[in-house]
Amino acid sequence: MAILGAIGLAKIKAVVVAETERRRGIGAAMLKRRRQIYRSRCSSTSAPESC
């Protein structure tokens, strides 16, 4: 799965949620939070190649 960021592209190779915790939106929440972190980090850096 790939997520387009403000500057580049990030690849997430796997998302793992315990079987007992599935179907509760945890995986989607982790991906959403990762997008937020990626976007904030890349929008505030002066070196786009580090994103």
PDB file of N, CA and C in Angstrom:
ATOM      1  N   MET A   1       0.848  -1.162   0.000  1.00  0.00           N
ATOM      2  CA  MET A   1       0.000   0.000   0.000  1.00  0.00           C
ATOM      3  C   MET A   1       0.895   1.227   0.000  1.00  0.00           C
ATOM      4  N   ALA A   2       0.536   2.210  -0.754  1.00  0.00           N
ATOM      5  CA  ALA A   2       1.321   3.437  -0.828  1.00  0.00           C
ATOM      6  C   ALA A   2       0.462   4.613  -0.409  1.00  0.00           C
ATOM      7  N   ILE A   3       1.068   5.554   0.245  1.00  0.00           N
ATOM      8  CA  ILE A   3       0.379   6.765   0.668  1.00  0.00           C
ATOM      9  C   ILE A   3       1.087   7.942   0.032  1.00  0.00           C
ATOM     10  N   LEU A   4       0.359   8.736  -0.729  1.00  0.00           N
ATOM     11  CA  LEU A   4       0.949   9.940  -1.299  1.00  0.00           C
ATOM     12  C   LEU A   4       1.063  10.984  -0.210  1.00  0.00           C
ATOM     13  N   GLY A   5       2.230  11.552  -0.058  1.00  0.00           N
ATOM     14  CA  GLY A   5       2.442  12.618   0.899  1.00  0.00           C
ATOM     15  C   GLY A   5       2.505  13.948   0.185  1.00  0.00           C
ATOM     16  N   ALA A   6       2.730  15.001   0.914  1.00  0.00           N
ATOM     17  CA  ALA A   6       2.804  16.333   0.333  1.00  0.00           C
ATOM     18  C   ALA A   6       3.988  16.448  -0.613  1.00  0.00           C
ATOM     19  N   ILE A   7       5.056  15.689  -0.344  1.00  0.00           N
ATOM     20  CA  ILE A   7       6.274  15.820  -1.133  1.00  0.00           C
ATOM     21  C   ILE A   7       6.621  14.547  -1.880  1.00  0.00           C
ATOM     22  N   GLY A   8       6.398  13.411  -1.280  1.00  0.00           N
ATOM     23  CA  GLY A   8       6.875  12.170  -1.878  1.00  0.00           C
ATOM     24  C   GLY A   8       5.906  11.033  -1.726  1.00  0.00           C
ATOM     25  N   LEU A   9       6.460   9.864  -1.672  1.00  0.00           N
ATOM     26  CA  LEU A   9       5.682   8.643  -1.597  1.00  0.00           C
ATOM     27  C   LEU A   9       6.255   7.782  -0.483  1.00  0.00           C
ATOM     28  N   ALA A  10       5.390   7.216   0.319  1.00  0.00           N
ATOM     29  CA  ALA A  10       5.824   6.329   1.393  1.00  0.00           C
ATOM     30  C   ALA A  10       5.175   4.974   1.182  1.00  0.00           C
ATOM     31  N   LYS A  11       5.901   3.918   1.438  1.00  0.00           N
ATOM     32  CA  LYS A  11       5.338   2.582   1.295  1.00  0.00           C
ATOM     33  C   LYS A  11       5.217   1.930   2.664  1.00  0.00           C
ATOM     34  N   ILE A  12       4.069   1.387   2.897  1.00  0.00           N
ATOM     35  CA  ILE A  12       3.823   0.616   4.110  1.00  0.00           C
ATOM     36  C   ILE A  12       3.721  -0.822   3.662  1.00  0.00           C
ATOM     37  N   LYS A  13       4.635  -1.637   4.124  1.00  0.00           N
ATOM     38  CA  LYS A  13       4.696  -3.024   3.658  1.00  0.00           C
ATOM     39  C   LYS A  13       3.726  -3.934   4.391  1.00  0.00           C
ATOM     40  N   ALA A  14       3.367  -3.603   5.614  1.00  0.00           N
ATOM     41  CA  ALA A  14       2.447  -4.462   6.363  1.00  0.00           C
ATOM     42  C   ALA A  14       1.791  -3.682   7.487  1.00  0.00           C
ATOM     43  N   VAL A  15       0.583  -4.054   7.774  1.00  0.00           N
ATOM     44  CA  VAL A  15      -0.132  -3.555   8.954  1.00  0.00           C
ATOM     45  C   VAL A  15      -0.663  -4.789   9.656  1.00  0.00           C
ATOM     46  N   VAL A  16      -0.338  -4.915  10.920  1.00  0.00           N
ATOM     47  CA  VAL A  16      -0.728  -6.106  11.663  1.00  0.00           C
ATOM     48  C   VAL A  16      -1.551  -5.698  12.876  1.00  0.00           C
ATOM     49  N   VAL A  17      -2.699  -6.315  13.008  1.00  0.00           N
ATOM     50  CA  VAL A  17      -3.573  -6.102  14.163  1.00  0.00           C
ATOM     51  C   VAL A  17      -3.898  -7.481  14.722  1.00  0.00           C
ATOM     52  N   ALA A  18      -3.828  -7.613  16.022  1.00  0.00           N
ATOM     53  CA  ALA A  18      -4.140  -8.899  16.664  1.00  0.00           C
ATOM     54  C   ALA A  18      -5.524  -9.370  16.221  1.00  0.00           C
ATOM     55  N   GLU A  19      -5.641 -10.653  15.996  1.00  0.00           N
ATOM     56  CA  GLU A  19      -6.897 -11.219  15.502  1.00  0.00           C
ATOM     57  C   GLU A  19      -8.072 -10.864  16.409  1.00  0.00           C
ATOM     58  N   THR A  20      -7.838 -10.835  17.695  1.00  0.00           N
ATOM     59  CA  THR A  20      -8.912 -10.519  18.644  1.00  0.00           C
ATOM     60  C   THR A  20      -9.333  -9.049  18.597  1.00  0.00           C
ATOM     61  N   GLU A  21      -8.535  -8.210  17.977  1.00  0.00           N
ATOM     62  CA  GLU A  21      -8.828  -6.774  17.911  1.00  0.00           C
ATOM     63  C   GLU A  21      -9.288  -6.314  16.533  1.00  0.00           C
ATOM     64  N   ARG A  22      -9.413  -7.223  15.592  1.00  0.00           N
ATOM     65  CA  ARG A  22      -9.783  -6.860  14.223  1.00  0.00           C
ATOM     66  C   ARG A  22     -11.241  -6.438  14.124  1.00  0.00           C
ATOM     67  N   ARG A  23     -11.549  -5.729  13.023  1.00  0.00           N
ATOM     68  CA  ARG A  23     -12.898  -5.233  12.711  1.00  0.00           C
ATOM     69  C   ARG A  23     -13.345  -4.131  13.665  1.00  0.00           C
ATOM     70  N   ARG A  24     -12.367  -3.413  14.245  1.00  0.00           N
ATOM     71  CA  ARG A  24     -12.674  -2.321  15.159  1.00  0.00           C
ATOM     72  C   ARG A  24     -12.104  -0.992  14.663  1.00  0.00           C
ATOM     73  N   GLY A  25     -11.503  -0.986  13.473  1.00  0.00           N
ATOM     74  CA  GLY A  25     -10.977   0.253  12.914  1.00  0.00           C
ATOM     75  C   GLY A  25      -9.566   0.599  13.360  1.00  0.00           C
ATOM     76  N   ILE A  26      -8.901  -0.331  14.006  1.00  0.00           N
ATOM     77  CA  ILE A  26      -7.563  -0.064  14.526  1.00  0.00           C
ATOM     78  C   ILE A  26      -6.557   0.112  13.393  1.00  0.00           C
ATOM     79  N   GLY A  27      -6.596  -0.769  12.400  1.00  0.00           N
ATOM     80  CA  GLY A  27      -5.680  -0.657  11.258  1.00  0.00           C
ATOM     81  C   GLY A  27      -5.883   0.659  10.520  1.00  0.00           C
ATOM     82  N   ALA A  28      -7.127   1.033  10.277  1.00  0.00           N
ATOM     83  CA  ALA A  28      -7.429   2.305   9.601  1.00  0.00           C
ATOM     84  C   ALA A  28      -6.945   3.484  10.430  1.00  0.00           C
ATOM     85  N   ALA A  29      -7.110   3.409  11.731  1.00  0.00           N
ATOM     86  CA  ALA A  29      -6.652   4.488  12.608  1.00  0.00           C
ATOM     87  C   ALA A  29      -5.125   4.611  12.584  1.00  0.00           C
ATOM     88  N   MET A  30      -4.430   3.467  12.543  1.00  0.00           N
ATOM     89  CA  MET A  30      -2.963   3.513  12.472  1.00  0.00           C
ATOM     90  C   MET A  30      -2.503   4.154  11.163  1.00  0.00           C
ATOM     91  N   LEU A  31      -3.145   3.798  10.049  1.00  0.00           N
ATOM     92  CA  LEU A  31      -2.777   4.388   8.764  1.00  0.00           C
ATOM     93  C   LEU A  31      -3.086   5.885   8.721  1.00  0.00           C
ATOM     94  N   LYS A  32      -4.225   6.264   9.272  1.00  0.00           N
ATOM     95  CA  LYS A  32      -4.591   7.682   9.313  1.00  0.00           C
ATOM     96  C   LYS A  32      -3.563   8.476  10.114  1.00  0.00           C
ATOM     97  N   ARG A  33      -3.169   7.961  11.272  1.00  0.00           N
ATOM     98  CA  ARG A  33      -2.176   8.643  12.109  1.00  0.00           C
ATOM     99  C   ARG A  33      -0.821   8.717  11.412  1.00  0.00           C
ATOM    100  N   ARG A  34      -0.452   7.654  10.724  1.00  0.00           N
ATOM    101  CA  ARG A  34       0.826   7.650   9.998  1.00  0.00           C
ATOM    102  C   ARG A  34       0.831   8.711   8.912  1.00  0.00           C
ATOM    103  N   ARG A  35      -0.289   8.858   8.207  1.00  0.00           N
ATOM    104  CA  ARG A  35      -0.398   9.916   7.193  1.00  0.00           C
ATOM    105  C   ARG A  35      -0.198  11.290   7.837  1.00  0.00           C
ATOM    106  N   GLN A  36      -0.813  11.513   8.987  1.00  0.00           N
ATOM    107  CA  GLN A  36      -0.687  12.797   9.677  1.00  0.00           C
ATOM    108  C   GLN A  36       0.769  13.071  10.055  1.00  0.00           C
ATOM    109  N   ILE A  37       1.443  12.072  10.591  1.00  0.00           N
ATOM    110  CA  ILE A  37       2.842  12.227  10.993  1.00  0.00           C
ATOM    111  C   ILE A  37       3.713  12.503   9.777  1.00  0.00           C
ATOM    112  N   TYR A  38       3.506  11.722   8.717  1.00  0.00           N
ATOM    113  CA  TYR A  38       4.299  11.876   7.497  1.00  0.00           C
ATOM    114  C   TYR A  38       4.129  13.271   6.917  1.00  0.00           C
ATOM    115  N   ARG A  39       2.883  13.731   6.815  1.00  0.00           N
ATOM    116  CA  ARG A  39       2.613  15.051   6.238  1.00  0.00           C
ATOM    117  C   ARG A  39       3.199  16.168   7.083  1.00  0.00           C
ATOM    118  N   SER A  40       3.079  16.080   8.398  1.00  0.00           N
ATOM    119  CA  SER A  40       3.613  17.142   9.248  1.00  0.00           C
ATOM    120  C   SER A  40       5.137  17.151   9.223  1.00  0.00           C
ATOM    121  N   ARG A  41       5.750  15.977   9.196  1.00  0.00           N
ATOM    122  CA  ARG A  41       7.207  15.895   9.162  1.00  0.00           C
ATOM    123  C   ARG A  41       7.750  16.419   7.839  1.00  0.00           C
ATOM    124  N   CYS A  42       7.118  16.048   6.742  1.00  0.00           N
ATOM    125  CA  CYS A  42       7.623  16.435   5.424  1.00  0.00           C
ATOM    126  C   CYS A  42       7.304  17.879   5.085  1.00  0.00           C
ATOM    127  N   SER A  43       6.258  18.428   5.648  1.00  0.00           N
ATOM    128  CA  SER A  43       5.943  19.810   5.345  1.00  0.00           C
ATOM    129  C   SER A  43       6.807  20.767   6.160  1.00  0.00           C
ATOM    130  N   SER A  44       7.421  20.274   7.234  1.00  0.00           N
ATOM    131  CA  SER A  44       8.220  21.137   8.082  1.00  0.00           C
ATOM    132  C   SER A  44       9.723  20.964   7.867  1.00  0.00           C
ATOM    133  N   THR A  45      10.115  20.053   6.986  1.00  0.00           N
ATOM    134  CA  THR A  45      11.550  19.815   6.770  1.00  0.00           C
ATOM    135  C   THR A  45      12.061  20.622   5.583  1.00  0.00           C
ATOM    136  N   SER A  46      13.294  21.001   5.642  1.00  0.00           N
ATOM    137  CA  SER A  46      13.901  21.729   4.521  1.00  0.00           C
ATOM    138  C   SER A  46      14.600  20.792   3.553  1.00  0.00           C
ATOM    139  N   ALA A  47      14.599  19.499   3.880  1.00  0.00           N
ATOM    140  CA  ALA A  47      15.257  18.504   3.037  1.00  0.00           C
ATOM    141  C   ALA A  47      14.251  17.471   2.559  1.00  0.00           C
ATOM    142  N   PRO A  48      13.561  17.722   1.421  1.00  0.00           N
ATOM    143  CA  PRO A  48      12.533  16.804   0.959  1.00  0.00           C
ATOM    144  C   PRO A  48      13.018  15.376   0.726  1.00  0.00           C
ATOM    145  N   GLU A  49      14.290  15.198   0.452  1.00  0.00           N
ATOM    146  CA  GLU A  49      14.794  13.847   0.212  1.00  0.00           C
ATOM    147  C   GLU A  49      14.780  12.992   1.472  1.00  0.00           C
ATOM    148  N   SER A  50      14.616  13.603   2.633  1.00  0.00           N
ATOM    149  CA  SER A  50      14.568  12.850   3.889  1.00  0.00           C
ATOM    150  C   SER A  50      13.171  12.360   4.213  1.00  0.00           C
ATOM    151  N   CYS A  51      12.202  12.704   3.414  1.00  0.00           N
ATOM    152  CA  CYS A  51      10.810  12.281   3.659  1.00  0.00           C
ATOM    153  C   CYS A  51      10.526  10.956   3.018  1.00  0.00           C
TER     154      CYS A  51
END
